[in-house]
PDB file of N, CA and C in Angstrom:
ATOM      1  N   MET A   1     111.631   1.143 -59.389  1.00  0.00           N
ATOM      2  CA  MET A   1     112.165   1.333 -58.131  1.00  0.00           C
ATOM      3  C   MET A   1     112.483   0.300 -57.298  1.00  0.00           C
ATOM      4  N   VAL A   2     111.463  -0.403 -57.076  1.00  0.00           N
ATOM      5  CA  VAL A   2     111.312  -1.757 -56.288  1.00  0.00           C
ATOM      6  C   VAL A   2     112.458  -2.631 -57.011  1.00  0.00           C
ATOM      7  N   VAL A   3     112.518  -3.053 -58.255  1.00  0.00           N
ATOM      8  CA  VAL A   3     113.353  -4.114 -58.791  1.00  0.00           C
ATOM      9  C   VAL A   3     114.542  -3.514 -58.617  1.00  0.00           C
ATOM     10  N   ALA A   4     115.310  -2.136 -58.440  1.00  0.00           N
ATOM     11  CA  ALA A   4     116.342  -1.779 -58.284  1.00  0.00           C
ATOM     12  C   ALA A   4     116.805  -1.836 -57.005  1.00  0.00           C
ATOM     13  N   THR A   5     115.670  -1.606 -56.058  1.00  0.00           N
ATOM     14  CA  THR A   5     116.266  -1.705 -54.583  1.00  0.00           C
ATOM     15  C   THR A   5     116.402  -3.358 -54.466  1.00  0.00           C
ATOM     16  N   LEU A   6     115.523  -4.342 -54.900  1.00  0.00           N
ATOM     17  CA  LEU A   6     115.987  -5.809 -54.902  1.00  0.00           C
ATOM     18  C   LEU A   6     117.122  -6.108 -55.315  1.00  0.00           C
ATOM     19  N   LEU A   7     117.623  -5.512 -56.455  1.00  0.00           N
ATOM     20  CA  LEU A   7     119.035  -5.914 -57.085  1.00  0.00           C
ATOM     21  C   LEU A   7     119.993  -5.477 -56.749  1.00  0.00           C
ATOM     22  N   SER A   8     119.807  -4.242 -55.719  1.00  0.00           N
ATOM     23  CA  SER A   8     120.964  -3.384 -55.393  1.00  0.00           C
ATOM     24  C   SER A   8     121.957  -4.078 -54.831  1.00  0.00           C
ATOM     25  N   PRO A   9     123.227  -4.160 -54.359  1.00  0.00           N
ATOM     26  CA  PRO A   9     124.247  -4.721 -53.614  1.00  0.00           C
ATOM     27  C   PRO A   9     123.942  -4.825 -52.208  1.00  0.00           C
ATOM     28  N   ASN A  10     123.166  -3.903 -51.870  1.00  0.00           N
ATOM     29  CA  ASN A  10     122.883  -3.608 -50.114  1.00  0.00           C
ATOM     30  C   ASN A  10     121.532  -3.164 -50.117  1.00  0.00           C
ATOM     31  N   PRO A  11     120.446  -4.203 -50.237  1.00  0.00           N
ATOM     32  CA  PRO A  11     119.317  -3.861 -49.948  1.00  0.00           C
ATOM     33  C   PRO A  11     118.976  -3.370 -48.608  1.00  0.00           C
ATOM     34  N   ALA A  12     117.989  -2.551 -48.476  1.00  0.00           N
ATOM     35  CA  ALA A  12     117.796  -2.133 -46.848  1.00  0.00           C
ATOM     36  C   ALA A  12     116.910  -3.472 -46.302  1.00  0.00           C
ATOM     37  N   PRO A  13     117.116  -3.364 -44.684  1.00  0.00           N
ATOM     38  CA  PRO A  13     116.451  -4.544 -44.180  1.00  0.00           C
ATOM     39  C   PRO A  13     115.097  -4.628 -44.080  1.00  0.00           C
ATOM     40  N   PHE A  14     114.642  -5.884 -44.303  1.00  0.00           N
ATOM     41  CA  PHE A  14     112.964  -5.869 -44.308  1.00  0.00           C
ATOM     42  C   PHE A  14     112.401  -5.521 -42.914  1.00  0.00           C
ATOM     43  N   ASP A  15     111.692  -4.266 -42.623  1.00  0.00           N
ATOM     44  CA  ASP A  15     111.232  -3.910 -41.429  1.00  0.00           C
ATOM     45  C   ASP A  15     109.876  -4.564 -41.224  1.00  0.00           C
ATOM     46  N   ARG A  16     109.751  -5.646 -40.317  1.00  0.00           N
ATOM     47  CA  ARG A  16     108.929  -6.689 -40.142  1.00  0.00           C
ATOM     48  C   ARG A  16     107.930  -6.216 -38.926  1.00  0.00           C
ATOM     49  N   SER A  17     108.322  -5.166 -38.427  1.00  0.00           N
ATOM     50  CA  SER A  17     107.318  -4.474 -37.209  1.00  0.00           C
ATOM     51  C   SER A  17     105.783  -4.154 -37.545  1.00  0.00           C
ATOM     52  N   ARG A  18     106.079  -3.949 -38.793  1.00  0.00           N
ATOM     53  CA  ARG A  18     104.682  -3.451 -39.694  1.00  0.00           C
ATOM     54  C   ARG A  18     103.329  -4.588 -39.667  1.00  0.00           C
ATOM     55  N   PHE A  19     104.116  -5.667 -39.536  1.00  0.00           N
ATOM     56  CA  PHE A  19     103.412  -6.923 -39.744  1.00  0.00           C
ATOM     57  C   PHE A  19     103.092  -7.811 -38.752  1.00  0.00           C
ATOM     58  N   ASP A  20     103.733  -7.547 -37.689  1.00  0.00           N
ATOM     59  CA  ASP A  20     103.505  -8.348 -36.253  1.00  0.00           C
ATOM     60  C   ASP A  20     102.073  -7.683 -35.721  1.00  0.00           C
ATOM     61  N   ALA A  21     101.404  -8.864 -35.085  1.00  0.00           N
ATOM     62  CA  ALA A  21     100.272  -8.580 -34.592  1.00  0.00           C
ATOM     63  C   ALA A  21     100.425  -7.510 -33.189  1.00  0.00           C
ATOM     64  N   PRO A  22      99.544  -6.969 -32.679  1.00  0.00           N
ATOM     65  CA  PRO A  22      99.721  -6.469 -31.459  1.00  0.00           C
ATOM     66  C   PRO A  22      99.603  -7.330 -30.317  1.00  0.00           C
ATOM     67  N   PRO A  23     100.105  -6.948 -29.115  1.00  0.00           N
ATOM     68  CA  PRO A  23     100.192  -7.982 -28.170  1.00  0.00           C
ATOM     69  C   PRO A  23      98.796  -8.248 -27.752  1.00  0.00           C
ATOM     70  N   ARG A  24      98.500  -9.475 -27.169  1.00  0.00           N
ATOM     71  CA  ARG A  24      97.245  -9.879 -26.750  1.00  0.00           C
ATOM     72  C   ARG A  24      96.935  -9.471 -25.415  1.00  0.00           C
ATOM     73  N   ARG A  25      95.751  -9.040 -25.298  1.00  0.00           N
ATOM     74  CA  ARG A  25      95.436  -8.886 -23.547  1.00  0.00           C
ATOM     75  C   ARG A  25      94.518  -9.888 -23.038  1.00  0.00           C
ATOM     76  N   PRO A  26      94.779 -10.397 -21.817  1.00  0.00           N
ATOM     77  CA  PRO A  26      94.602 -11.390 -21.404  1.00  0.00           C
ATOM     78  C   PRO A  26      92.866 -11.542 -20.983  1.00  0.00           C
ATOM     79  N   VAL A  27      92.329 -12.805 -21.295  1.00  0.00           N
ATOM     80  CA  VAL A  27      90.897 -12.634 -21.200  1.00  0.00           C
ATOM     81  C   VAL A  27      90.449 -12.774 -19.968  1.00  0.00           C
ATOM     82  N   PRO A  28      89.590 -11.598 -19.284  1.00  0.00           N
ATOM     83  CA  PRO A  28      89.129 -11.950 -18.204  1.00  0.00           C
ATOM     84  C   PRO A  28      88.434 -13.146 -17.587  1.00  0.00           C
ATOM     85  N   VAL A  29      88.651 -13.828 -16.385  1.00  0.00           N
ATOM     86  CA  VAL A  29      88.028 -14.839 -16.309  1.00  0.00           C
ATOM     87  C   VAL A  29      86.552 -14.583 -15.035  1.00  0.00           C
ATOM     88  N   PRO A  30      85.676 -14.912 -15.469  1.00  0.00           N
ATOM     89  CA  PRO A  30      84.314 -14.729 -14.808  1.00  0.00           C
ATOM     90  C   PRO A  30      84.557 -15.177 -13.104  1.00  0.00           C
ATOM     91  N   PRO A  31      84.033 -14.239 -12.437  1.00  0.00           N
ATOM     92  CA  PRO A  31      84.208 -14.723 -10.888  1.00  0.00           C
ATOM     93  C   PRO A  31      83.691 -15.898 -10.231  1.00  0.00           C
ATOM     94  N   HIS A  32      82.699 -16.352 -11.298  1.00  0.00           N
ATOM     95  CA  HIS A  32      81.847 -17.722 -10.676  1.00  0.00           C
ATOM     96  C   HIS A  32      82.887 -19.068 -11.195  1.00  0.00           C
ATOM     97  N   ILE A  33      83.733 -18.615 -12.137  1.00  0.00           N
ATOM     98  CA  ILE A  33      84.926 -19.515 -12.398  1.00  0.00           C
ATOM     99  C   ILE A  33      86.075 -19.718 -11.841  1.00  0.00           C
ATOM    100  N   ARG A  34      86.507 -18.358 -11.650  1.00  0.00           N
ATOM    101  CA  ARG A  34      87.758 -17.866 -10.886  1.00  0.00           C
ATOM    102  C   ARG A  34      87.735 -18.487  -9.339  1.00  0.00           C
ATOM    103  N   ASP A  35      86.525 -18.185  -8.566  1.00  0.00           N
ATOM    104  CA  ASP A  35      86.497 -18.608  -7.322  1.00  0.00           C
ATOM    105  C   ASP A  35      86.211 -20.203  -7.085  1.00  0.00           C
ATOM    106  N   LEU A  36      86.261 -20.890  -8.530  1.00  0.00           N
ATOM    107  CA  LEU A  36      85.913 -22.422  -7.645  1.00  0.00           C
ATOM    108  C   LEU A  36      87.321 -23.092  -7.255  1.00  0.00           C
ATOM    109  N   ASN A  37      87.154 -23.793  -6.488  1.00  0.00           N
ATOM    110  CA  ASN A  37      88.353 -24.489  -5.673  1.00  0.00           C
ATOM    111  C   ASN A  37      88.573 -25.566  -6.660  1.00  0.00           C
ATOM    112  N   LEU A  38      89.364 -25.535  -7.810  1.00  0.00           N
ATOM    113  CA  LEU A  38      89.604 -26.748  -8.602  1.00  0.00           C
ATOM    114  C   LEU A  38      90.665 -27.763  -8.055  1.00  0.00           C
ATOM    115  N   GLY A  39      91.572 -27.501  -7.148  1.00  0.00           N
ATOM    116  CA  GLY A  39      92.096 -28.283  -6.237  1.00  0.00           C
ATOM    117  C   GLY A  39      93.760 -28.331  -7.444  1.00  0.00           C
ATOM    118  N   PRO A  40      94.590 -29.018  -6.668  1.00  0.00           N
ATOM    119  CA  PRO A  40      95.990 -29.369  -7.620  1.00  0.00           C
ATOM    120  C   PRO A  40      95.949 -30.289  -8.976  1.00  0.00           C
ATOM    121  N   GLU A  41      95.035 -31.357  -8.460  1.00  0.00           N
ATOM    122  CA  GLU A  41      94.919 -32.414  -9.794  1.00  0.00           C
ATOM    123  C   GLU A  41      94.318 -31.776 -10.834  1.00  0.00           C
ATOM    124  N   THR A  42      93.248 -31.132 -10.687  1.00  0.00           N
ATOM    125  CA  THR A  42      92.505 -30.638 -11.896  1.00  0.00           C
ATOM    126  C   THR A  42      93.100 -29.585 -12.726  1.00  0.00           C
ATOM    127  N   GLU A  43      94.374 -29.396 -12.619  1.00  0.00           N
ATOM    128  CA  GLU A  43      95.049 -28.376 -13.137  1.00  0.00           C
ATOM    129  C   GLU A  43      95.356 -29.017 -14.473  1.00  0.00           C
ATOM    130  N   THR A  44      95.594 -30.200 -14.442  1.00  0.00           N
ATOM    131  CA  THR A  44      96.074 -30.918 -15.766  1.00  0.00           C
ATOM    132  C   THR A  44      94.927 -31.005 -16.557  1.00  0.00           C
ATOM    133  N   GLN A  45      95.265 -31.398 -17.976  1.00  0.00           N
ATOM    134  CA  GLN A  45      94.350 -31.529 -18.844  1.00  0.00           C
ATOM    135  C   GLN A  45      93.227 -32.631 -18.443  1.00  0.00           C
ATOM    136  N   ALA A  46      93.824 -33.894 -18.069  1.00  0.00           N
ATOM    137  CA  ALA A  46      92.724 -34.776 -17.440  1.00  0.00           C
ATOM    138  C   ALA A  46      91.652 -34.153 -16.464  1.00  0.00           C
ATOM    139  N   GLY A  47      92.289 -33.382 -15.640  1.00  0.00           N
ATOM    140  CA  GLY A  47      91.415 -32.881 -14.692  1.00  0.00           C
ATOM    141  C   GLY A  47      90.208 -32.100 -15.171  1.00  0.00           C
ATOM    142  N   PHE A  48      90.640 -31.201 -16.414  1.00  0.00           N
ATOM    143  CA  PHE A  48      89.827 -30.382 -17.084  1.00  0.00           C
ATOM    144  C   PHE A  48      88.886 -31.191 -17.686  1.00  0.00           C
ATOM    145  N   ILE A  49      89.332 -32.203 -18.334  1.00  0.00           N
ATOM    146  CA  ILE A  49      88.376 -33.259 -19.191  1.00  0.00           C
ATOM    147  C   ILE A  49      87.108 -34.239 -18.284  1.00  0.00           C
ATOM    148  N   GLN A  50      87.434 -34.363 -16.944  1.00  0.00           N
ATOM    149  CA  GLN A  50      86.862 -34.920 -16.030  1.00  0.00           C
ATOM    150  C   GLN A  50      85.820 -34.091 -15.796  1.00  0.00           C
ATOM    151  N   ARG A  51      86.205 -32.775 -15.083  1.00  0.00           N
ATOM    152  CA  ARG A  51      85.561 -31.812 -14.697  1.00  0.00           C
ATOM    153  C   ARG A  51      84.169 -31.332 -15.647  1.00  0.00           C
ATOM    154  N   ALA A  52      84.952 -31.416 -16.817  1.00  0.00           N
ATOM    155  CA  ALA A  52      83.709 -31.237 -18.058  1.00  0.00           C
ATOM    156  C   ALA A  52      82.607 -32.379 -18.115  1.00  0.00           C
ATOM    157  N   ARG A  53      83.345 -33.252 -17.972  1.00  0.00           N
ATOM    158  CA  ARG A  53      82.351 -34.579 -18.107  1.00  0.00           C
ATOM    159  C   ARG A  53      81.347 -34.674 -16.852  1.00  0.00           C
ATOM    160  N   VAL A  54      81.625 -34.333 -15.575  1.00  0.00           N
ATOM    161  CA  VAL A  54      81.285 -34.231 -14.502  1.00  0.00           C
ATOM    162  C   VAL A  54      79.697 -33.305 -14.717  1.00  0.00           C
ATOM    163  N   LEU A  55      80.321 -31.837 -15.080  1.00  0.00           N
ATOM    164  CA  LEU A  55      79.342 -30.693 -15.249  1.00  0.00           C
ATOM    165  C   LEU A  55      78.169 -31.069 -16.425  1.00  0.00           C
ATOM    166  N   ALA A  56      78.587 -31.954 -17.330  1.00  0.00           N
ATOM    167  CA  ALA A  56      77.553 -32.324 -18.301  1.00  0.00           C
ATOM    168  C   ALA A  56      76.919 -33.572 -17.923  1.00  0.00           C
ATOM    169  N   PHE A  57      77.352 -34.296 -17.185  1.00  0.00           N
ATOM    170  CA  PHE A  57      76.470 -35.502 -16.374  1.00  0.00           C
ATOM    171  C   PHE A  57      75.459 -34.580 -15.249  1.00  0.00           C
ATOM    172  N   TYR A  58      75.654 -33.595 -14.809  1.00  0.00           N
ATOM    173  CA  TYR A  58      74.960 -33.211 -13.868  1.00  0.00           C
ATOM    174  C   TYR A  58      73.757 -32.047 -14.723  1.00  0.00           C
ATOM    175  N   ARG A  59      74.148 -31.747 -15.640  1.00  0.00           N
ATOM    176  CA  ARG A  59      73.338 -30.522 -16.616  1.00  0.00           C
ATOM    177  C   ARG A  59      72.137 -31.864 -17.079  1.00  0.00           C
ATOM    178  N   THR A  60      72.791 -33.101 -17.458  1.00  0.00           N
ATOM    179  CA  THR A  60      71.703 -34.301 -17.812  1.00  0.00           C
ATOM    180  C   THR A  60      70.614 -34.396 -16.789  1.00  0.00           C
ATOM    181  N   ILE A  61      71.234 -34.632 -15.837  1.00  0.00           N
ATOM    182  CA  ILE A  61      70.335 -34.858 -14.555  1.00  0.00           C
ATOM    183  C   ILE A  61      69.607 -33.737 -14.488  1.00  0.00           C
ATOM    184  N   LEU A  62      69.686 -33.070 -14.532  1.00  0.00           N
ATOM    185  CA  LEU A  62      68.865 -31.700 -14.072  1.00  0.00           C
ATOM    186  C   LEU A  62      67.916 -31.481 -15.154  1.00  0.00           C
ATOM    187  N   ARG A  63      68.226 -31.855 -16.464  1.00  0.00           N
ATOM    188  CA  ARG A  63      67.142 -31.789 -17.613  1.00  0.00           C
ATOM    189  C   ARG A  63      66.458 -33.038 -17.429  1.00  0.00           C
ATOM    190  N   GLY A  64      66.781 -34.168 -17.064  1.00  0.00           N
ATOM    191  CA  GLY A  64      65.853 -35.383 -16.856  1.00  0.00           C
ATOM    192  C   GLY A  64      65.164 -35.283 -15.746  1.00  0.00           C
ATOM    193  N   LEU A  65      65.271 -34.477 -14.854  1.00  0.00           N
ATOM    194  CA  LEU A  65      64.429 -34.303 -13.655  1.00  0.00           C
ATOM    195  C   LEU A  65      63.230 -33.626 -14.424  1.00  0.00           C
ATOM    196  N   ARG A  66      63.076 -32.901 -15.210  1.00  0.00           N
ATOM    197  CA  ARG A  66      61.773 -32.564 -15.529  1.00  0.00           C
ATOM    198  C   ARG A  66      60.837 -33.207 -15.707  1.00  0.00           C
ATOM    199  N   GLY A  67      61.004 -34.698 -15.928  1.00  0.00           N
ATOM    200  CA  GLY A  67      60.205 -35.501 -16.346  1.00  0.00           C
ATOM    201  C   GLY A  67      59.413 -35.949 -15.080  1.00  0.00           C
ATOM    202  N   ILE A  68      59.730 -35.418 -14.132  1.00  0.00           N
ATOM    203  CA  ILE A  68      59.291 -35.924 -12.790  1.00  0.00           C
ATOM    204  C   ILE A  68      57.824 -35.104 -12.941  1.00  0.00           C
ATOM    205  N   PRO A  69      56.615 -35.630 -12.764  1.00  0.00           N
ATOM    206  CA  PRO A  69      55.323 -35.035 -12.837  1.00  0.00           C
ATOM    207  C   PRO A  69      55.462 -34.089 -11.126  1.00  0.00           C
ATOM    208  N   ASP A  70      55.529 -34.571 -10.292  1.00  0.00           N
ATOM    209  CA  ASP A  70      55.108 -34.236  -8.913  1.00  0.00           C
ATOM    210  C   ASP A  70      56.214 -32.926  -8.595  1.00  0.00           C
ATOM    211  N   PRO A  71      55.752 -31.590  -8.384  1.00  0.00           N
ATOM    212  CA  PRO A  71      56.868 -30.616  -8.180  1.00  0.00           C
ATOM    213  C   PRO A  71      57.443 -30.997  -6.844  1.00  0.00           C
ATOM    214  N   GLU A  72      56.910 -31.317  -5.781  1.00  0.00           N
ATOM    215  CA  GLU A  72      57.719 -31.741  -4.689  1.00  0.00           C
ATOM    216  C   GLU A  72      58.729 -32.859  -4.725  1.00  0.00           C
ATOM    217  N   THR A  73      58.297 -33.760  -5.434  1.00  0.00           N
ATOM    218  CA  THR A  73      59.329 -35.027  -5.637  1.00  0.00           C
ATOM    219  C   THR A  73      60.624 -34.411  -6.216  1.00  0.00           C
ATOM    220  N   ARG A  74      60.052 -33.641  -7.366  1.00  0.00           N
ATOM    221  CA  ARG A  74      61.171 -32.972  -8.131  1.00  0.00           C
ATOM    222  C   ARG A  74      62.168 -32.192  -7.748  1.00  0.00           C
ATOM    223  N   ALA A  75      61.515 -31.372  -6.571  1.00  0.00           N
ATOM    224  CA  ALA A  75      62.368 -30.426  -5.622  1.00  0.00           C
ATOM    225  C   ALA A  75      63.372 -31.180  -4.635  1.00  0.00           C
ATOM    226  N   GLU A  76      62.760 -32.398  -4.236  1.00  0.00           N
ATOM    227  CA  GLU A  76      63.380 -32.885  -3.369  1.00  0.00           C
ATOM    228  C   GLU A  76      64.540 -33.922  -4.376  1.00  0.00           C
ATOM    229  N   THR A  77      64.401 -34.382  -5.273  1.00  0.00           N
ATOM    230  CA  THR A  77      65.060 -35.011  -6.077  1.00  0.00           C
ATOM    231  C   THR A  77      66.347 -34.065  -6.440  1.00  0.00           C
ATOM    232  N   ARG A  78      66.014 -32.767  -6.943  1.00  0.00           N
ATOM    233  CA  ARG A  78      67.122 -31.952  -7.512  1.00  0.00           C
ATOM    234  C   ARG A  78      67.766 -31.636  -6.038  1.00  0.00           C
ATOM    235  N   LYS A  79      67.340 -31.602  -5.022  1.00  0.00           N
ATOM    236  CA  LYS A  79      68.360 -31.238  -3.620  1.00  0.00           C
ATOM    237  C   LYS A  79      68.955 -32.249  -3.326  1.00  0.00           C
ATOM    238  N   PHE A  80      68.830 -33.554  -3.528  1.00  0.00           N
ATOM    239  CA  PHE A  80      69.249 -34.687  -3.397  1.00  0.00           C
ATOM    240  C   PHE A  80      70.679 -34.823  -4.318  1.00  0.00           C
ATOM    241  N   VAL A  81      70.259 -34.547  -5.376  1.00  0.00           N
ATOM    242  CA  VAL A  81      71.553 -34.641  -6.670  1.00  0.00           C
ATOM    243  C   VAL A  81      72.581 -33.324  -6.184  1.00  0.00           C
ATOM    244  N   ARG A  82      72.063 -32.484  -5.818  1.00  0.00           N
ATOM    245  CA  ARG A  82      72.923 -31.177  -5.729  1.00  0.00           C
ATOM    246  C   ARG A  82      73.708 -31.686  -4.337  1.00  0.00           C
ATOM    247  N   ASP A  83      73.082 -32.181  -3.426  1.00  0.00           N
ATOM    248  CA  ASP A  83      73.738 -32.372  -2.011  1.00  0.00           C
ATOM    249  C   ASP A  83      75.030 -33.588  -2.249  1.00  0.00           C
ATOM    250  N   GLU A  84      74.485 -34.504  -3.442  1.00  0.00           N
ATOM    251  CA  GLU A  84      75.574 -35.726  -3.523  1.00  0.00           C
ATOM    252  C   GLU A  84      76.683 -35.026  -4.498  1.00  0.00           C
ATOM    253  N   PHE A  85      76.378 -33.818  -5.523  1.00  0.00           N
ATOM    254  CA  PHE A  85      77.599 -33.365  -6.138  1.00  0.00           C
ATOM    255  C   PHE A  85      78.360 -32.469  -5.094  1.00  0.00           C
ATOM    256  N   GLU A  86      77.856 -31.663  -4.283  1.00  0.00           N
ATOM    257  CA  GLU A  86      78.584 -31.083  -3.347  1.00  0.00           C
ATOM    258  C   GLU A  86      79.383 -31.827  -2.318  1.00  0.00           C
ATOM    259  N   ARG A  87      78.872 -32.710  -2.248  1.00  0.00           N
ATOM    260  CA  ARG A  87      79.344 -33.638  -1.167  1.00  0.00           C
ATOM    261  C   ARG A  87      80.976 -34.409  -1.738  1.00  0.00           C
ATOM    262  N   HIS A  88      80.853 -34.235  -3.089  1.00  0.00           N
ATOM    263  CA  HIS A  88      82.233 -35.050  -3.316  1.00  0.00           C
ATOM    264  C   HIS A  88      82.823 -33.994  -4.105  1.00  0.00           C
ATOM    265  N   ARG A  89      82.539 -32.297  -4.075  1.00  0.00           N
ATOM    266  CA  ARG A  89      83.091 -31.563  -4.476  1.00  0.00           C
ATOM    267  C   ARG A  89      84.438 -31.264  -4.546  1.00  0.00           C
ATOM    268  N   GLY A  90      85.017 -31.916  -3.392  1.00  0.00           N
ATOM    269  CA  GLY A  90      86.701 -31.698  -3.173  1.00  0.00           C
ATOM    270  C   GLY A  90      87.241 -32.845  -3.566  1.00  0.00           C
ATOM    271  N   VAL A  91      87.133 -33.967  -4.004  1.00  0.00           N
ATOM    272  CA  VAL A  91      87.589 -34.888  -4.760  1.00  0.00           C
ATOM    273  C   VAL A  91      88.223 -34.393  -5.768  1.00  0.00           C
ATOM    274  N   THR A  92      89.923 -34.670  -5.741  1.00  0.00           N
ATOM    275  CA  THR A  92      90.885 -34.185  -6.788  1.00  0.00           C
ATOM    276  C   THR A  92      91.316 -35.566  -7.540  1.00  0.00           C
ATOM    277  N   ASP A  93      91.282 -36.427  -6.796  1.00  0.00           N
ATOM    278  CA  ASP A  93      91.835 -37.614  -7.617  1.00  0.00           C
ATOM    279  C   ASP A  93      91.034 -38.188  -8.795  1.00  0.00           C
ATOM    280  N   ILE A  94      91.799 -38.291  -9.918  1.00  0.00           N
ATOM    281  CA  ILE A  94      91.199 -38.497 -11.323  1.00  0.00           C
ATOM    282  C   ILE A  94      90.547 -39.885 -11.240  1.00  0.00           C
ATOM    283  N   GLY A  95      91.408 -40.714 -10.664  1.00  0.00           N
ATOM    284  CA  GLY A  95      90.722 -42.217 -10.646  1.00  0.00           C
ATOM    285  C   GLY A  95      89.450 -42.246  -9.874  1.00  0.00           C
ATOM    286  N   HIS A  96      89.505 -41.577  -8.956  1.00  0.00           N
ATOM    287  CA  HIS A  96      88.428 -41.314  -7.380  1.00  0.00           C
ATOM    288  C   HIS A  96      87.194 -40.698  -8.384  1.00  0.00           C
ATOM    289  N   ILE A  97      87.422 -39.647  -9.376  1.00  0.00           N
ATOM    290  CA  ILE A  97      86.335 -38.875 -10.044  1.00  0.00           C
ATOM    291  C   ILE A  97      85.627 -39.821 -10.958  1.00  0.00           C
ATOM    292  N   ARG A  98      86.482 -40.742 -11.999  1.00  0.00           N
ATOM    293  CA  ARG A  98      85.856 -41.443 -12.972  1.00  0.00           C
ATOM    294  C   ARG A  98      85.299 -42.615 -12.170  1.00  0.00           C
ATOM    295  N   TYR A  99      85.461 -43.145 -10.904  1.00  0.00           N
ATOM    296  CA  TYR A  99      84.493 -43.924 -10.234  1.00  0.00           C
ATOM    297  C   TYR A  99      83.248 -43.460  -9.745  1.00  0.00           C
ATOM    298  N   LEU A 100      83.288 -42.182  -9.298  1.00  0.00           N
ATOM    299  CA  LEU A 100      82.069 -41.568  -9.052  1.00  0.00           C
ATOM    300  C   LEU A 100      81.004 -41.326 -10.166  1.00  0.00           C
ATOM    301  N   LEU A 101      81.764 -41.008 -11.046  1.00  0.00           N
ATOM    302  CA  LEU A 101      81.169 -40.676 -12.732  1.00  0.00           C
ATOM    303  C   LEU A 101      80.431 -41.695 -13.182  1.00  0.00           C
ATOM    304  N   SER A 102      81.122 -42.892 -12.912  1.00  0.00           N
ATOM    305  CA  SER A 102      80.751 -44.142 -13.492  1.00  0.00           C
ATOM    306  C   SER A 102      79.515 -44.712 -12.760  1.00  0.00           C
ATOM    307  N   ARG A 103      79.713 -44.731 -11.404  1.00  0.00           N
ATOM    308  CA  ARG A 103      78.628 -45.223 -10.227  1.00  0.00           C
ATOM    309  C   ARG A 103      77.352 -44.185 -10.130  1.00  0.00           C
ATOM    310  N   GLY A 104      77.867 -42.973 -10.697  1.00  0.00           N
ATOM    311  CA  GLY A 104      76.230 -41.691 -10.610  1.00  0.00           C
ATOM    312  C   GLY A 104      75.636 -42.183 -12.023  1.00  0.00           C
ATOM    313  N   LYS A 105      76.459 -42.523 -13.135  1.00  0.00           N
ATOM    314  CA  LYS A 105      75.744 -42.964 -14.377  1.00  0.00           C
ATOM    315  C   LYS A 105      74.811 -44.140 -14.267  1.00  0.00           C
ATOM    316  N   THR A 106      75.415 -45.220 -13.700  1.00  0.00           N
ATOM    317  CA  THR A 106      74.579 -46.291 -13.605  1.00  0.00           C
ATOM    318  C   THR A 106      73.466 -45.886 -12.763  1.00  0.00           C
ATOM    319  N   GLU A 107      73.392 -45.098 -11.469  1.00  0.00           N
ATOM    320  CA  GLU A 107      72.371 -44.890 -10.724  1.00  0.00           C
ATOM    321  C   GLU A 107      71.448 -44.291 -11.357  1.00  0.00           C
ATOM    322  N   TRP A 108      71.790 -43.446 -12.081  1.00  0.00           N
ATOM    323  CA  TRP A 108      71.070 -42.118 -13.040  1.00  0.00           C
ATOM    324  C   TRP A 108      70.142 -43.035 -14.230  1.00  0.00           C
ATOM    325  N   GLU A 109      70.755 -43.836 -14.787  1.00  0.00           N
ATOM    326  CA  GLU A 109      70.288 -44.861 -15.702  1.00  0.00           C
ATOM    327  C   GLU A 109      68.949 -45.425 -15.006  1.00  0.00           C
ATOM    328  N   SER A 110      69.188 -46.297 -13.779  1.00  0.00           N
ATOM    329  CA  SER A 110      68.375 -46.908 -12.948  1.00  0.00           C
ATOM    330  C   SER A 110      67.199 -45.944 -12.765  1.00  0.00           C
ATOM    331  N   MET A 111      67.395 -44.467 -12.196  1.00  0.00           N
ATOM    332  CA  MET A 111      66.621 -43.861 -11.793  1.00  0.00           C
ATOM    333  C   MET A 111      65.823 -43.165 -13.198  1.00  0.00           C
ATOM    334  N   GLU A 112      66.312 -43.072 -13.961  1.00  0.00           N
ATOM    335  CA  GLU A 112      65.703 -42.479 -15.654  1.00  0.00           C
ATOM    336  C   GLU A 112      64.551 -43.625 -15.950  1.00  0.00           C
ATOM    337  N   ARG A 113      64.995 -44.747 -15.822  1.00  0.00           N
ATOM    338  CA  ARG A 113      63.997 -46.048 -16.202  1.00  0.00           C
ATOM    339  C   ARG A 113      62.729 -45.863 -15.350  1.00  0.00           C
ATOM    340  N   HIS A 114      62.962 -45.650 -13.906  1.00  0.00           N
ATOM    341  CA  HIS A 114      61.793 -45.278 -13.211  1.00  0.00           C
ATOM    342  C   HIS A 114      60.986 -43.910 -13.594  1.00  0.00           C
ATOM    343  N   ILE A 115      61.672 -42.792 -13.964  1.00  0.00           N
ATOM    344  CA  ILE A 115      60.994 -41.404 -14.049  1.00  0.00           C
ATOM    345  C   ILE A 115      60.175 -41.841 -15.234  1.00  0.00           C
ATOM    346  N   GLY A 116      60.982 -42.408 -16.501  1.00  0.00           N
ATOM    347  CA  GLY A 116      60.037 -42.673 -17.661  1.00  0.00           C
ATOM    348  C   GLY A 116      58.682 -43.513 -17.378  1.00  0.00           C
ATOM    349  N   GLY A 117      58.741 -44.433 -16.415  1.00  0.00           N
ATOM    350  CA  GLY A 117      57.673 -44.997 -16.091  1.00  0.00           C
ATOM    351  C   GLY A 117      56.573 -44.271 -15.469  1.00  0.00           C
ATOM    352  N   MET A 118      56.635 -43.029 -14.947  1.00  0.00           N
ATOM    353  CA  MET A 118      55.765 -42.458 -14.200  1.00  0.00           C
ATOM    354  C   MET A 118      54.608 -41.802 -14.859  1.00  0.00           C
TER     355      MET A 118
END
């Protein structure tokens, strides 16, 4: 039957609709990400990459602060780090973000050596 259908002079058109995937629903964006003020420049791929690097650097610092034995000093340092990141939150120029990230990493390396000596 199938061979006869394929060899017939006017075969029936192939119905592709059975094999099409159903339309995808949009993935909901969590509120803590949706409400971020990313600015116009971070909408580019370079902006997203820099944002990921900044967040990774922030997490690295927070993990490194666990090495400070005095709880008060650790809390003060964490507040200082948070305030510095908040102070530069509105920066959207990719070049300036790279500069701040580089400067921050240099300062963190210096501080990390000091923390390691405690």
